[in-house]
């Protein structure tokens, strides 16, 4: 039995909290009324300054290159980008930035992101919405550290969140929905840790690729047009007490040496297989319920499986589990074409995979 992998991203929040204690709150905020320039206030700010904004829409694209807090009004503050670039660009080595109570949109062009981070900033977002940007809601690259709390990344032109090159993100109580391609696209050894979030209504929910690591707890991934969650090219997926349901195609898809560990999850009512594992994928299911999927509950890409098979891409990984409930079509709540493929007790399924296993 594989050991669970826990995310170490709480240090992001700890780093931001420590920095806040050192840098923020000792001087009165600088107030920028509607109609005046936020960028001018940023350029004049001392490290650790708090810049407070009024209610309404500020029309400018911002570059933040120093430690500060940018705080919106409780009555609603919007930053609408005016250039063909990110609406808010945060860049710098070792700076700490906090954004509060803001809606960010209007990023346009190839770099048309709502918020873009680069370098190695530590960025905290609280009560921030990124929406209606032509590219991504948030694009984090280099070695950025981000902590998001009660944020909404919704209705962006491509991906909701795009992570790259060793970035690390910690999300708590966030919504990622209605983005036109991936809700989350994680590449190049980036790492995300989610708790109590929702990922829904995107083209695909999550795509983790090229060594990316995705950890989620109590996070439903559902109602996405294509797949719920895809792990490819040595990605690591760790889900606990999550649901993956009502996605248009696969609930879960593991390929190319990707690794999955699922505990106490429900994989339900997806448009194809509940979980599809191919090539060198390695997945462990523990105490999961896999039901009402239109295809096989859990399928390995072998010739004996229902559906297409490509002999040039044989299944070479393994699937194991304990205490699961994966009913076939003959049982109430069963999967349309079967519980497991190949059926238990085939060589791929170790004894003890099902709750109602033979004695």
Protein backbone atom coordinates (compact mmCIF):
# COMPACT_ATOMS: atom_id res chain seq x y z
CA UNK A 1 0.00 0.00 0.00
CA UNK A 2 1.42 3.35 -1.02
CA UNK A 3 1.84 6.07 1.56
CA UNK A 4 -0.16 9.24 1.18
CA UNK A 5 1.71 12.31 0.02
CA UNK A 6 0.84 15.47 1.90
CA UNK A 7 1.24 18.94 0.51
CA UNK A 8 3.70 21.24 2.20
CA UNK A 9 2.17 24.44 0.90
CA UNK A 10 0.97 25.67 4.27
CA UNK A 11 4.36 27.31 4.46
CA UNK A 12 3.09 29.73 1.80
CA UNK A 13 0.43 30.99 4.20
CA UNK A 14 2.94 30.99 7.05
CA UNK A 15 5.40 33.00 4.98
CA UNK A 16 2.76 35.56 4.10
CA UNK A 17 1.49 35.80 7.67
CA UNK A 18 5.00 36.32 9.01
CA UNK A 19 5.68 38.98 6.42
CA UNK A 20 2.39 40.68 7.25
CA UNK A 21 3.41 40.89 10.89
CA UNK A 22 6.69 42.49 9.94
CA UNK A 23 5.65 44.72 7.08
CA UNK A 24 1.99 45.59 7.27
CA UNK A 25 -0.24 47.58 9.57
CA UNK A 26 2.17 49.97 11.26
CA UNK A 27 1.36 53.00 9.13
CA UNK A 28 -2.01 54.43 8.14
CA UNK A 29 -3.18 53.22 4.72
CA UNK A 30 -2.68 55.46 1.72
CA UNK A 31 -6.13 56.10 0.24
CA UNK A 32 -6.48 56.36 -3.53
CA UNK A 33 -9.93 57.71 -4.45
CA UNK A 34 -11.68 56.67 -7.63
CA UNK A 35 -10.31 58.65 -10.57
CA UNK A 36 -6.75 58.88 -9.23
CA UNK A 37 -3.87 56.61 -10.25
CA UNK A 38 -3.21 53.44 -8.30
CA UNK A 39 0.08 52.97 -10.18
CA UNK A 40 1.34 56.36 -8.98
CA UNK A 41 0.60 55.32 -5.40
CA UNK A 42 2.42 52.01 -5.93
CA UNK A 43 5.45 53.76 -7.41
CA UNK A 44 5.61 56.12 -4.43
CA UNK A 45 4.96 53.46 -1.77
CA UNK A 46 7.51 52.48 0.83
CA UNK A 47 8.00 48.71 1.31
CA UNK A 48 5.14 47.30 3.36
CA UNK A 49 2.68 50.12 2.62
CA UNK A 50 -1.08 49.57 2.61
CA UNK A 51 -2.93 51.16 -0.30
CA UNK A 52 -6.69 51.41 0.19
CA UNK A 53 -9.06 51.91 -2.74
CA UNK A 54 -12.54 53.32 -2.99
CA UNK A 55 -15.69 51.76 -4.37
CA UNK A 56 -16.00 51.52 -8.14
CA UNK A 57 -13.92 50.63 -11.21
CA UNK A 58 -10.31 51.80 -11.65
CA UNK A 59 -9.30 51.61 -15.29
CA UNK A 60 -5.57 50.93 -15.46
CA UNK A 61 -3.11 48.06 -15.78
CA UNK A 62 -0.87 47.71 -12.73
CA UNK A 63 2.71 46.59 -12.13
CA UNK A 64 3.58 45.76 -8.50
CA UNK A 65 7.31 45.38 -7.88
CA UNK A 66 7.58 45.91 -4.12
CA UNK A 67 6.08 44.57 -0.88
CA UNK A 68 2.66 46.11 -0.17
CA UNK A 69 -1.03 45.48 0.40
CA UNK A 70 -3.64 46.60 -2.13
CA UNK A 71 -7.02 46.66 -0.40
CA UNK A 72 -10.36 47.11 -2.11
CA UNK A 73 -13.50 48.55 -0.59
CA UNK A 74 -15.96 46.24 1.15
CA UNK A 75 -18.60 47.75 -1.17
CA UNK A 76 -16.79 46.53 -4.29
CA UNK A 77 -13.62 47.60 -6.10
CA UNK A 78 -12.73 46.56 -9.64
CA UNK A 79 -9.44 46.91 -11.50
CA UNK A 80 -10.04 46.81 -15.24
CA UNK A 81 -6.90 46.52 -17.36
CA UNK A 82 -6.40 48.97 -20.19
CA UNK A 83 -3.33 47.50 -21.94
CA UNK A 84 -2.75 44.36 -24.00
CA UNK A 85 -1.17 42.59 -21.03
CA UNK A 86 -2.07 41.37 -17.57
CA UNK A 87 -4.40 43.63 -15.61
CA UNK A 88 -2.18 43.17 -12.51
CA UNK A 89 1.44 42.06 -12.90
CA UNK A 90 3.39 41.18 -9.75
CA UNK A 91 7.11 40.75 -10.27
CA UNK A 92 10.23 40.73 -8.16
CA UNK A 93 12.56 38.65 -6.06
CA UNK A 94 11.62 38.11 -2.44
CA UNK A 95 8.76 40.61 -2.27
CA UNK A 96 5.50 40.01 -0.37
CA UNK A 97 2.25 41.28 -1.88
CA UNK A 98 -1.32 40.99 -0.60
CA UNK A 99 -4.48 41.76 -2.58
CA UNK A 100 -7.82 42.01 -0.75
CA UNK A 101 -11.45 42.47 -1.82
CA UNK A 102 -10.82 43.10 -5.50
CA UNK A 103 -12.32 42.10 -8.84
CA UNK A 104 -9.70 41.96 -11.59
CA UNK A 105 -10.56 41.76 -15.26
CA UNK A 106 -9.73 43.27 -18.62
CA UNK A 107 -6.42 41.50 -19.25
CA UNK A 108 -6.07 41.40 -23.03
CA UNK A 109 -3.80 39.94 -25.70
CA UNK A 110 -1.28 37.09 -25.44
CA UNK A 111 -0.47 38.12 -21.85
CA UNK A 112 -4.10 38.95 -21.13
CA UNK A 113 -4.22 37.45 -17.66
CA UNK A 114 -6.06 38.87 -14.71
CA UNK A 115 -3.10 38.43 -12.35
CA UNK A 116 0.39 37.41 -13.46
CA UNK A 117 3.23 36.62 -11.05
CA UNK A 118 6.87 36.23 -12.02
CA UNK A 119 10.18 36.05 -10.22
CA UNK A 120 9.81 34.73 -6.69
CA UNK A 121 7.14 36.85 -4.97
CA UNK A 122 5.01 35.57 -2.10
CA UNK A 123 1.47 36.63 -2.96
CA UNK A 124 -1.66 36.42 -0.81
CA UNK A 125 -5.10 36.85 -2.37
CA UNK A 126 -8.13 37.20 -0.09
CA UNK A 127 -11.62 37.75 -1.48
CA UNK A 128 -10.28 38.33 -5.00
CA UNK A 129 -12.24 37.56 -8.19
CA UNK A 130 -10.54 37.26 -11.57
CA UNK A 131 -12.97 37.14 -14.46
CA UNK A 132 -13.44 38.06 -18.12
CA UNK A 133 -9.74 38.11 -18.94
CA UNK A 134 -8.89 37.10 -22.48
CA UNK A 135 -6.31 34.52 -21.38
CA UNK A 136 -5.97 33.19 -17.80
CA UNK A 137 -7.50 34.33 -14.55
CA UNK A 138 -4.15 33.74 -12.81
CA UNK A 139 -0.84 32.87 -14.44
CA UNK A 140 1.89 32.00 -11.93
CA UNK A 141 5.40 31.22 -13.15
CA UNK A 142 9.05 31.04 -12.07
CA UNK A 143 9.16 30.28 -8.31
CA UNK A 144 6.13 32.27 -7.21
CA UNK A 145 4.33 31.30 -3.98
CA UNK A 146 0.62 32.07 -3.88
CA UNK A 147 -1.97 31.69 -1.15
CA UNK A 148 -5.64 32.13 -2.14
CA UNK A 149 -8.52 32.34 0.32
CA UNK A 150 -12.20 32.76 -0.60
CA UNK A 151 -11.30 33.69 -4.18
CA UNK A 152 -13.25 33.19 -7.42
CA UNK A 153 -11.52 32.42 -10.73
CA UNK A 154 -14.43 32.35 -13.13
CA UNK A 155 -15.34 32.97 -16.74
CA UNK A 156 -11.88 33.57 -18.22
CA UNK A 157 -11.02 33.16 -21.90
CA UNK A 158 -8.73 30.15 -21.56
CA UNK A 159 -7.55 28.66 -18.23
CA UNK A 160 -8.70 29.66 -14.78
CA UNK A 161 -5.29 29.05 -13.15
CA UNK A 162 -2.11 28.30 -15.12
CA UNK A 163 0.99 27.33 -13.12
CA UNK A 164 4.49 26.90 -14.47
CA UNK A 165 8.07 26.24 -13.39
CA UNK A 166 8.16 25.31 -9.69
CA UNK A 167 5.35 27.64 -8.61
CA UNK A 168 3.38 26.62 -5.51
CA UNK A 169 -0.21 27.54 -4.76
CA UNK A 170 -2.32 27.01 -1.65
CA UNK A 171 -6.09 27.47 -2.17
CA UNK A 172 -8.75 27.49 0.55
CA UNK A 173 -12.46 27.94 -0.07
CA UNK A 174 -12.06 29.01 -3.71
CA UNK A 175 -14.30 28.62 -6.77
CA UNK A 176 -12.81 27.80 -10.18
CA UNK A 177 -15.59 27.65 -12.72
CA UNK A 178 -16.80 28.58 -16.17
CA UNK A 179 -13.36 28.98 -17.74
CA UNK A 180 -13.24 28.16 -21.45
CA UNK A 181 -10.51 25.52 -21.33
CA UNK A 182 -8.95 24.11 -18.14
CA UNK A 183 -10.07 25.17 -14.71
CA UNK A 184 -6.49 24.46 -13.60
CA UNK A 185 -3.55 23.74 -15.91
CA UNK A 186 -0.45 22.76 -13.90
CA UNK A 187 2.88 22.16 -15.65
CA UNK A 188 6.60 21.74 -15.03
CA UNK A 189 6.82 20.55 -11.42
CA UNK A 190 4.41 23.18 -10.13
CA UNK A 191 2.42 22.20 -7.05
CA UNK A 192 -1.12 23.02 -5.93
CA UNK A 193 -2.82 22.23 -2.65
CA UNK A 194 -6.60 22.76 -2.41
CA UNK A 195 -9.07 22.42 0.44
CA UNK A 196 -12.81 23.11 0.39
CA UNK A 197 -12.74 24.43 -3.18
CA UNK A 198 -15.01 23.73 -6.15
CA UNK A 199 -13.93 23.10 -9.75
CA UNK A 200 -16.90 23.04 -12.10
CA UNK A 201 -18.28 24.09 -15.46
CA UNK A 202 -14.94 24.40 -17.25
CA UNK A 203 -14.08 22.63 -20.50
CA UNK A 204 -11.83 20.33 -18.39
CA UNK A 205 -11.51 20.54 -14.63
CA UNK A 206 -7.80 19.90 -13.91
CA UNK A 207 -4.91 18.98 -16.19
CA UNK A 208 -1.67 18.15 -14.34
CA UNK A 209 1.30 17.47 -16.59
CA UNK A 210 5.08 17.10 -16.65
CA UNK A 211 5.77 16.34 -13.00
CA UNK A 212 3.11 18.67 -11.62
CA UNK A 213 1.67 17.78 -8.21
CA UNK A 214 -2.00 18.29 -7.38
CA UNK A 215 -3.40 17.69 -3.89
CA UNK A 216 -7.05 18.27 -2.97
CA UNK A 217 -9.22 17.69 0.10
CA UNK A 218 -13.01 18.07 0.23
CA UNK A 219 -13.00 19.54 -3.27
CA UNK A 220 -15.70 18.52 -5.77
CA UNK A 221 -14.61 18.35 -9.41
CA UNK A 222 -17.79 18.13 -11.42
CA UNK A 223 -19.89 19.28 -14.33
CA UNK A 224 -16.94 19.95 -16.62
CA UNK A 225 -17.62 19.47 -20.33
CA UNK A 226 -14.79 16.98 -20.97
CA UNK A 227 -12.70 15.30 -18.26
CA UNK A 228 -12.74 15.95 -14.55
CA UNK A 229 -9.05 15.45 -13.81
CA UNK A 230 -6.18 14.34 -16.05
CA UNK A 231 -2.68 13.39 -14.89
CA UNK A 232 -0.05 12.90 -17.60
CA UNK A 233 3.72 12.66 -17.92
CA UNK A 234 4.71 11.80 -14.32
CA UNK A 235 2.11 13.97 -12.60
CA UNK A 236 1.18 13.16 -9.00
CA UNK A 237 -2.48 13.37 -7.97
CA UNK A 238 -3.56 13.09 -4.34
CA UNK A 239 -7.28 13.32 -3.52
CA UNK A 240 -8.96 12.87 -0.14
CA UNK A 241 -12.70 13.12 0.51
CA UNK A 242 -13.33 14.56 -2.95
CA UNK A 243 -16.08 13.91 -5.47
CA UNK A 244 -15.43 13.62 -9.21
CA UNK A 245 -18.84 13.60 -10.78
CA UNK A 246 -20.98 14.44 -13.82
CA UNK A 247 -18.09 15.30 -16.09
CA UNK A 248 -18.76 14.80 -19.80
CA UNK A 249 -16.08 12.18 -20.45
CA UNK A 250 -13.67 10.50 -18.01
CA UNK A 251 -13.92 11.36 -14.36
CA UNK A 252 -10.20 10.61 -13.92
CA UNK A 253 -7.55 9.83 -16.53
CA UNK A 254 -4.03 8.74 -15.56
CA UNK A 255 -1.33 8.19 -18.19
CA UNK A 256 2.40 8.29 -18.90
CA UNK A 257 3.84 7.30 -15.52
CA UNK A 258 1.42 9.46 -13.56
CA UNK A 259 0.62 8.44 -9.99
CA UNK A 260 -2.73 8.74 -8.22
CA UNK A 261 -3.67 8.19 -4.58
CA UNK A 262 -7.39 8.49 -3.78
CA UNK A 263 -8.93 8.05 -0.34
CA UNK A 264 -12.60 8.29 0.66
CA UNK A 265 -13.61 9.71 -2.73
CA UNK A 266 -16.77 9.35 -4.82
CA UNK A 267 -16.45 8.97 -8.60
CA UNK A 268 -19.97 9.20 -9.96
CA UNK A 269 -22.08 9.70 -13.09
CA UNK A 270 -19.32 10.63 -15.51
CA UNK A 271 -20.03 10.39 -19.25
CA UNK A 272 -17.42 7.69 -19.96
CA UNK A 273 -15.35 5.66 -17.48
CA UNK A 274 -15.13 6.69 -13.85
CA UNK A 275 -11.35 6.23 -13.95
CA UNK A 276 -9.21 5.30 -16.96
CA UNK A 277 -5.60 4.22 -16.36
CA UNK A 278 -3.21 3.59 -19.26
CA UNK A 279 0.44 3.02 -20.11
CA UNK A 280 2.54 3.33 -16.93
CA UNK A 281 -0.15 4.89 -14.73
CA UNK A 282 -0.16 3.80 -11.07
CA UNK A 283 -3.29 4.40 -8.99
CA UNK A 284 -4.35 3.39 -5.50
CA UNK A 285 -8.00 3.59 -4.44
CA UNK A 286 -8.93 3.30 -0.77
CA UNK A 287 -12.49 3.36 0.56
CA UNK A 288 -13.82 4.95 -2.65
CA UNK A 289 -17.27 4.61 -4.19
CA UNK A 290 -17.34 4.39 -8.00
CA UNK A 291 -20.91 4.32 -9.33
CA UNK A 292 -23.34 5.35 -12.05
CA UNK A 293 -20.67 6.03 -14.66
CA UNK A 294 -21.67 5.52 -18.30
CA UNK A 295 -18.62 3.34 -18.99
CA UNK A 296 -16.60 1.03 -16.78
CA UNK A 297 -16.15 2.11 -13.18
CA UNK A 298 -12.37 1.63 -13.27
CA UNK A 299 -10.70 0.63 -16.52
CA UNK A 300 -7.15 -0.31 -17.46
CA UNK A 301 -6.10 -0.05 -21.10
CA UNK A 302 -5.79 -3.75 -21.82
CA UNK A 303 -7.19 -5.73 -24.78
CA UNK A 304 -9.86 -7.28 -22.57
CA UNK A 305 -11.39 -3.93 -21.68
CA UNK A 306 -14.57 -2.55 -23.13
CA UNK A 307 -13.91 0.07 -25.77
CA UNK A 308 -10.96 0.88 -28.00
CA UNK A 309 -7.44 -0.40 -27.42
CA UNK A 310 -4.22 0.79 -29.01
CA UNK A 311 -1.68 -2.10 -29.01
CA UNK A 312 1.14 0.42 -29.40
CA UNK A 313 0.25 1.86 -25.96
CA UNK A 314 -0.19 -1.17 -23.69
CA UNK A 315 -0.96 -0.80 -20.01
CA UNK A 316 2.21 -1.35 -18.00
CA UNK A 317 1.31 0.23 -14.66
CA UNK A 318 -0.89 -1.13 -11.90
CA UNK A 319 -4.05 -0.41 -9.96
CA UNK A 320 -4.53 -1.40 -6.35
CA UNK A 321 -6.99 -0.68 -3.61
CA UNK A 322 -8.78 -1.64 -0.44
CA UNK A 323 -12.31 -1.28 0.88
CA UNK A 324 -13.85 0.14 -2.30
CA UNK A 325 -17.39 -0.15 -3.64
CA UNK A 326 -17.36 -0.46 -7.46
CA UNK A 327 -20.71 -2.03 -8.46
CA UNK A 328 -21.33 -3.44 -11.92
CA UNK A 329 -24.42 -2.83 -14.05
CA UNK A 330 -26.33 -5.65 -12.43
CA UNK A 331 -26.39 -3.82 -9.09
CA UNK A 332 -28.26 -0.73 -7.99
CA UNK A 333 -26.11 2.32 -8.70
CA UNK A 334 -23.84 0.18 -10.86
CA UNK A 335 -21.61 1.44 -13.64
CA UNK A 336 -23.13 1.09 -17.10
CA UNK A 337 -20.67 -1.43 -18.60
CA UNK A 338 -19.24 -2.95 -15.45
CA UNK A 339 -17.48 -2.43 -12.17
CA UNK A 340 -13.87 -3.23 -12.99
CA UNK A 341 -12.22 -3.90 -16.31
CA UNK A 342 -10.78 -6.48 -16.47
CA UNK A 343 -13.21 -7.94 -13.95
CA UNK A 344 -12.08 -9.10 -10.52
CA UNK A 345 -10.25 -11.42 -9.87
CA UNK A 346 -8.10 -10.62 -12.89
CA UNK A 347 -4.40 -10.23 -12.28
CA UNK A 348 -4.54 -6.43 -12.17
CA UNK A 349 -6.88 -6.32 -9.18
CA UNK A 350 -5.38 -7.46 -5.86
CA UNK A 351 -7.62 -9.33 -3.46
CA UNK A 352 -9.33 -6.87 -1.19
CA UNK A 353 -10.13 -4.28 -3.85
CA UNK A 354 -13.91 -4.41 -3.32
CA UNK A 355 -16.02 -4.12 -0.22
CA UNK A 356 -18.08 -7.12 -1.30
CA UNK A 357 -15.10 -9.19 -2.36
CA UNK A 358 -15.37 -12.97 -2.47
CA UNK A 359 -14.41 -14.76 0.73
